[in-house]
Amino acid sequence: MSLMIEHVTKKYKNFTAVNDISLSLEKGKMLGFLGRNGAGKTTTFRMILGLTPITEGAITYNGKIIDKSLYNRIGYLPEERGLHPKMKVEDELRYLATLKGMKSKDITEAIDYWLNRFNITENREKKIEALSKGNQQKIQLLASMLHKPELLILDEPFSGLDPVNVELLKSAVQDLNDEGTTIIYSSHRMEHVEELCDNVCILNKGELVVSGAIDEVKSNHGYKRVVIETEHQMPEIDAIGGVLDVERNKREIKATIESEIIAEKIYDVVTRYGFVKRFQVVEPSLNEIFIAKVGDINE
């Protein structure tokens, strides 16, 4: 086991920011760490890194409490970005990589590789403050990855980026994960979490309300949906026990069902109508599960 969070609580006087959460993350896995603003995500990250003391419980990495001796093997991209605006891009990256114990030759090679991969080689000698917000974002992410960390915590790494650059940065994060880096990834973009992560957890007001492998979380959520692409209205579906809701438009019927057994009953109805373009049983999306557990995403 790589990272263990055991019965961790963080209290500030009368306020409990994180309440008795337990998680484990195996080496080389990526965890989607979700929650509304104020749910306790950043507090948890700071406790993992040893920047905020734990009130109760324990956090260990490979059996050890995380302290300064492990910092060179960890990367962190905080939501509040923190580059030095007056420094040139290369000088900033070289400075941050030196803090992580990298050798000068390795730093040069890594900077060359990443600036080229992120299509920002022309910004090498520019000051950070002269870059667009998107390119500053690239530099910040690059700085957290430059030393090839064993454990990487990414807090909203793609916020504010256009779709082309999101794909560019996502592929870099995916490659790092494929090479063995254990990653905790926080985002409000549920589709990114579904695409990138193995496991997911959802915090709500400091409480862990969902935790597990994404496939298991989706299959255990309690309902599924049948999507039928057809021009028929099929009113018989509404009368089937276990059908919770039915939505119709000119091309599709979407029926929310209690279990897959109900899908078989719907299929029996569909076959009486002959040909349909599509009949599919769909798991709930992470977006739907999130909203069901913590309310509307948008605040």
Protein backbone atom coordinates (compact mmCIF):
# COMPACT_ATOMS: atom_id res chain seq x y z
CA MET A 1 0.00 0.00 0.00
CA SER A 2 1.34 3.43 -0.88
CA LEU A 3 -0.77 6.04 0.94
CA MET A 4 -2.86 5.33 4.06
CA ILE A 5 -5.26 7.80 5.67
CA GLU A 6 -6.63 6.28 8.87
CA HIS A 7 -9.47 7.86 10.90
CA VAL A 8 -8.16 11.36 10.27
CA THR A 9 -9.90 14.35 11.86
CA LYS A 10 -8.95 18.03 11.74
CA LYS A 11 -10.55 20.49 14.16
CA TYR A 12 -10.11 24.25 14.44
CA LYS A 13 -11.46 25.11 17.91
CA ASN A 14 -15.22 24.43 17.54
CA PHE A 15 -15.12 23.77 13.78
CA THR A 16 -14.46 20.29 12.35
CA ALA A 17 -12.98 20.68 8.85
CA VAL A 18 -12.40 16.94 8.29
CA ASN A 19 -14.19 14.28 10.30
CA ASP A 20 -12.85 10.72 10.72
CA ILE A 21 -11.95 9.93 7.10
CA SER A 22 -10.15 6.74 6.08
CA LEU A 23 -8.69 6.07 2.62
CA SER A 24 -6.00 3.95 1.02
CA LEU A 25 -4.35 4.44 -2.36
CA GLU A 26 -2.12 1.81 -3.93
CA LYS A 27 1.10 2.71 -5.73
CA GLY A 28 0.55 3.74 -9.34
CA LYS A 29 -3.19 4.41 -8.94
CA MET A 30 -4.99 7.71 -9.51
CA LEU A 31 -7.61 8.90 -7.03
CA GLY A 32 -10.27 11.45 -7.94
CA PHE A 33 -10.72 13.58 -4.83
CA LEU A 34 -14.03 15.40 -5.09
CA GLY A 35 -16.09 17.80 -3.05
CA ARG A 36 -17.69 21.22 -3.12
CA ASN A 37 -15.69 24.27 -2.09
CA GLY A 38 -15.17 24.09 1.66
CA ALA A 39 -15.66 20.31 1.82
CA GLY A 40 -12.22 19.73 3.36
CA LYS A 41 -10.16 18.79 0.28
CA THR A 42 -7.35 21.34 0.68
CA THR A 43 -7.19 20.70 4.44
CA THR A 44 -6.73 16.98 3.70
CA PHE A 45 -3.99 17.72 1.15
CA ARG A 46 -2.16 19.90 3.67
CA MET A 47 -2.39 17.15 6.30
CA ILE A 48 -1.03 14.57 3.82
CA LEU A 49 1.94 16.87 3.14
CA GLY A 50 2.53 17.53 6.83
CA LEU A 51 1.82 21.26 6.40
CA THR A 52 -1.22 21.14 8.74
CA PRO A 53 -1.14 19.11 11.96
CA ILE A 54 -3.65 16.28 12.33
CA THR A 55 -6.04 16.48 15.30
CA GLU A 56 -6.75 12.73 15.36
CA GLY A 57 -5.73 9.73 13.26
CA ALA A 58 -2.67 9.03 11.11
CA ILE A 59 -1.45 9.49 7.54
CA THR A 60 1.43 7.36 6.27
CA TYR A 61 3.21 6.88 2.95
CA ASN A 62 4.82 3.45 2.54
CA GLY A 63 4.45 2.99 6.29
CA LYS A 64 6.11 6.29 7.24
CA ILE A 65 4.70 9.62 8.37
CA ILE A 66 5.36 12.18 5.63
CA ASP A 67 8.02 14.70 6.65
CA LYS A 68 10.85 16.70 5.05
CA SER A 69 12.80 13.52 4.25
CA LEU A 70 10.07 12.53 1.76
CA TYR A 71 9.42 15.94 0.16
CA ASN A 72 11.82 15.37 -2.75
CA ARG A 73 9.66 12.41 -3.84
CA ILE A 74 6.38 14.35 -3.72
CA GLY A 75 4.84 16.90 -6.09
CA TYR A 76 2.05 19.34 -5.22
CA LEU A 77 0.06 21.70 -7.41
CA PRO A 78 -2.00 23.89 -5.05
CA GLU A 79 -5.23 25.52 -6.16
CA GLU A 80 -3.76 28.88 -5.13
CA ARG A 81 -0.93 29.16 -7.65
CA GLY A 82 2.39 30.45 -6.36
CA LEU A 83 5.01 31.24 -9.02
CA HIS A 84 7.43 34.18 -8.71
CA PRO A 85 6.10 36.67 -11.29
CA LYS A 86 9.40 38.54 -11.80
CA MET A 87 11.47 35.41 -12.49
CA LYS A 88 12.12 34.05 -15.97
CA VAL A 89 10.51 30.71 -16.81
CA GLU A 90 13.76 28.71 -16.96
CA ASP A 91 15.15 30.31 -13.80
CA GLU A 92 11.92 29.57 -11.91
CA LEU A 93 11.84 25.93 -13.03
CA ARG A 94 15.54 25.47 -12.30
CA TYR A 95 15.13 26.96 -8.82
CA LEU A 96 12.14 24.75 -7.95
CA ALA A 97 13.82 21.61 -9.34
CA THR A 98 16.97 22.37 -7.32
CA LEU A 99 14.82 22.49 -4.17
CA LYS A 100 13.75 18.92 -5.06
CA GLY A 101 17.38 17.77 -5.16
CA MET A 102 17.73 17.39 -8.94
CA LYS A 103 21.16 17.63 -10.57
CA SER A 104 21.84 20.50 -12.99
CA LYS A 105 22.22 18.25 -16.06
CA ASP A 106 18.97 16.41 -15.26
CA ILE A 107 17.17 19.72 -14.73
CA THR A 108 18.27 21.02 -18.14
CA GLU A 109 17.12 17.84 -19.88
CA ALA A 110 13.77 17.86 -18.06
CA ILE A 111 13.13 21.55 -18.83
CA ASP A 112 13.97 21.02 -22.50
CA TYR A 113 11.62 18.02 -22.71
CA TRP A 114 8.65 19.60 -20.92
CA LEU A 115 8.81 23.04 -22.56
CA ASN A 116 8.81 21.27 -25.92
CA ARG A 117 6.01 18.90 -24.95
CA PHE A 118 3.84 21.76 -23.66
CA ASN A 119 4.58 23.86 -26.78
CA ILE A 120 6.07 26.75 -24.79
CA THR A 121 9.78 26.66 -25.69
CA GLU A 122 9.51 30.27 -26.95
CA ASN A 123 8.68 31.36 -23.38
CA ARG A 124 11.89 30.06 -21.86
CA GLU A 125 13.44 33.51 -21.28
CA LYS A 126 10.21 35.38 -20.57
CA LYS A 127 9.20 36.53 -17.11
CA ILE A 128 6.33 34.58 -15.54
CA GLU A 129 4.18 37.74 -15.33
CA ALA A 130 4.48 38.23 -19.13
CA LEU A 131 2.84 34.86 -19.86
CA SER A 132 -0.84 34.25 -20.52
CA LYS A 133 -2.81 32.69 -17.68
CA GLY A 134 -2.88 29.38 -19.57
CA ASN A 135 0.89 29.32 -20.03
CA GLN A 136 1.43 30.22 -16.37
CA GLN A 137 -0.77 27.23 -15.58
CA LYS A 138 1.43 25.01 -17.74
CA ILE A 139 4.57 26.21 -15.94
CA GLN A 140 2.97 25.58 -12.54
CA LEU A 141 1.97 22.02 -13.49
CA LEU A 142 5.34 21.41 -15.09
CA ALA A 143 7.07 22.52 -11.86
CA SER A 144 5.13 19.94 -9.85
CA MET A 145 6.08 17.14 -12.29
CA LEU A 146 9.65 18.05 -13.26
CA HIS A 147 11.31 15.77 -10.68
CA LYS A 148 9.11 12.75 -11.59
CA PRO A 149 7.53 12.46 -8.13
CA GLU A 150 6.40 9.17 -6.63
CA LEU A 151 3.33 10.88 -5.16
CA LEU A 152 1.66 13.81 -6.92
CA ILE A 153 -1.23 15.91 -5.59
CA LEU A 154 -3.01 18.00 -8.23
CA ASP A 155 -5.63 20.53 -7.10
CA GLU A 156 -7.69 21.76 -10.09
CA PRO A 157 -4.76 21.36 -12.53
CA PHE A 158 -6.70 22.25 -15.70
CA SER A 159 -8.88 25.13 -14.51
CA GLY A 160 -8.96 28.05 -16.94
CA LEU A 161 -7.40 26.15 -19.85
CA ASP A 162 -8.89 25.83 -23.33
CA PRO A 163 -9.85 22.30 -24.51
CA VAL A 164 -6.70 21.83 -26.64
CA ASN A 165 -4.39 22.60 -23.72
CA VAL A 166 -6.51 20.51 -21.34
CA GLU A 167 -5.90 17.48 -23.59
CA LEU A 168 -2.18 18.30 -23.74
CA LEU A 169 -1.83 18.45 -19.97
CA LYS A 170 -4.12 15.47 -19.37
CA SER A 171 -1.90 13.28 -21.54
CA ALA A 172 1.16 14.36 -19.53
CA VAL A 173 -0.55 13.48 -16.24
CA GLN A 174 -1.71 10.15 -17.69
CA ASP A 175 1.82 9.30 -18.87
CA LEU A 176 3.27 10.07 -15.43
CA ASN A 177 0.64 7.82 -13.87
CA ASP A 178 1.39 5.05 -16.39
CA GLU A 179 5.06 5.28 -15.38
CA GLY A 180 4.15 4.54 -11.75
CA THR A 181 3.43 7.88 -10.09
CA THR A 182 0.62 7.69 -7.52
CA ILE A 183 -1.70 10.66 -8.10
CA ILE A 184 -4.43 12.39 -6.11
CA TYR A 185 -6.43 14.51 -8.50
CA SER A 186 -9.00 17.09 -7.38
CA SER A 187 -11.36 18.63 -9.90
CA HIS A 188 -14.90 19.86 -10.43
CA ARG A 189 -14.80 18.38 -13.94
CA MET A 190 -16.36 14.97 -13.36
CA GLU A 191 -15.75 13.77 -16.92
CA HIS A 192 -11.98 14.24 -16.42
CA VAL A 193 -12.11 12.19 -13.22
CA GLU A 194 -14.03 9.38 -14.97
CA GLU A 195 -11.52 9.40 -17.80
CA LEU A 196 -8.29 9.51 -15.76
CA CYS A 197 -8.88 7.98 -12.34
CA ASP A 198 -9.05 4.43 -10.96
CA ASN A 199 -10.70 5.32 -7.65
CA VAL A 200 -12.88 8.14 -6.41
CA CYS A 201 -13.85 9.66 -3.10
CA ILE A 202 -16.34 12.42 -2.37
CA LEU A 203 -16.13 14.67 0.67
CA ASN A 204 -19.14 16.60 1.92
CA LYS A 205 -18.72 19.03 4.82
CA GLY A 206 -15.68 17.12 6.03
CA GLU A 207 -17.36 13.71 5.84
CA LEU A 208 -16.39 10.95 3.40
CA VAL A 209 -19.68 10.11 1.65
CA VAL A 210 -18.36 8.02 -1.28
CA SER A 211 -15.19 5.96 -1.61
CA GLY A 212 -14.04 3.13 -3.86
CA ALA A 213 -13.17 2.04 -7.39
CA ILE A 214 -15.10 4.16 -9.91
CA ASP A 215 -16.75 1.13 -11.55
CA GLU A 216 -17.91 -0.19 -8.16
CA VAL A 217 -19.17 3.22 -7.03
CA LYS A 218 -21.22 3.57 -10.22
CA SER A 219 -22.64 0.03 -10.11
CA ASN A 220 -23.53 0.35 -6.40
CA HIS A 221 -25.19 3.73 -6.68
CA GLY A 222 -28.68 2.27 -6.57
CA TYR A 223 -30.14 2.93 -9.98
CA LYS A 224 -29.34 2.64 -13.67
CA ARG A 225 -30.81 4.05 -16.84
CA VAL A 226 -32.06 2.43 -20.02
CA VAL A 227 -31.66 4.45 -23.21
CA ILE A 228 -33.77 3.44 -26.22
CA GLU A 229 -33.27 5.20 -29.53
CA THR A 230 -36.66 4.89 -31.22
CA GLU A 231 -39.50 6.85 -32.79
CA HIS A 232 -42.13 4.91 -30.79
CA GLN A 233 -43.43 6.25 -27.47
CA MET A 234 -43.83 2.81 -25.83
CA PRO A 235 -46.27 3.81 -23.04
CA GLU A 236 -46.15 0.28 -21.58
CA ILE A 237 -42.73 1.11 -20.05
CA ASP A 238 -44.31 3.53 -17.57
CA ALA A 239 -46.40 0.73 -16.02
CA ILE A 240 -43.47 -1.58 -15.26
CA GLY A 241 -42.69 -1.91 -11.54
CA GLY A 242 -39.19 -0.68 -10.71
CA VAL A 243 -39.23 2.03 -13.39
CA LEU A 244 -38.59 5.20 -11.37
CA ASP A 245 -38.82 7.83 -14.09
CA VAL A 246 -39.26 8.07 -17.87
CA GLU A 247 -38.13 10.93 -20.11
CA ARG A 248 -39.09 11.12 -23.77
CA ASN A 249 -38.18 13.19 -26.80
CA LYS A 250 -38.68 12.63 -30.53
CA ARG A 251 -35.70 10.30 -30.81
CA GLU A 252 -35.10 8.74 -27.39
CA ILE A 253 -36.70 7.23 -24.32
CA LYS A 254 -34.68 7.35 -21.10
CA ALA A 255 -35.99 5.21 -18.24
CA THR A 256 -34.43 5.36 -14.77
CA ILE A 257 -34.64 1.89 -13.19
CA GLU A 258 -33.95 0.31 -9.81
CA SER A 259 -31.86 -2.58 -11.13
CA GLU A 260 -30.74 -4.38 -14.28
CA ILE A 261 -33.53 -6.94 -13.83
CA ILE A 262 -36.02 -4.19 -14.75
CA ALA A 263 -34.05 -3.64 -17.99
CA GLU A 264 -35.04 -7.16 -19.08
CA LYS A 265 -38.73 -6.31 -18.64
CA ILE A 266 -38.27 -3.14 -20.68
CA TYR A 267 -36.46 -5.16 -23.35
CA ASP A 268 -39.48 -7.47 -23.59
CA VAL A 269 -41.64 -4.43 -24.36
CA VAL A 270 -39.15 -3.07 -26.89
CA THR A 271 -38.95 -6.34 -28.84
CA ARG A 272 -42.70 -6.18 -29.52
CA TYR A 273 -42.07 -3.02 -31.54
CA GLY A 274 -39.44 -4.63 -33.74
CA PHE A 275 -36.36 -2.67 -34.80
CA VAL A 276 -34.84 0.07 -32.56
CA LYS A 277 -31.58 1.89 -33.28
CA ARG A 278 -30.23 1.48 -29.76
CA PHE A 279 -31.02 -0.27 -26.49
CA GLN A 280 -28.45 0.40 -23.78
CA VAL A 281 -28.23 0.04 -20.00
CA VAL A 282 -26.19 2.99 -18.72
CA GLU A 283 -24.50 3.43 -15.32
CA PRO A 284 -25.06 6.78 -13.60
CA SER A 285 -22.31 9.30 -14.34
CA LEU A 286 -20.01 10.60 -11.59
CA ASN A 287 -21.69 13.95 -12.15
CA GLU A 288 -25.09 12.46 -11.23
CA ILE A 289 -23.65 10.63 -8.21
CA PHE A 290 -21.93 13.80 -7.01
CA ILE A 291 -25.12 15.84 -7.24
CA ALA A 292 -27.11 13.10 -5.50
CA LYS A 293 -24.61 12.99 -2.62
CA VAL A 294 -23.72 16.64 -2.07
CA GLY A 295 -26.22 18.74 -4.03
CA ASP A 296 -25.70 20.99 -7.04
CA ILE A 297 -22.09 21.32 -8.22
CA ASN A 298 -22.46 24.98 -9.11
CA GLU A 299 -22.46 27.25 -6.11
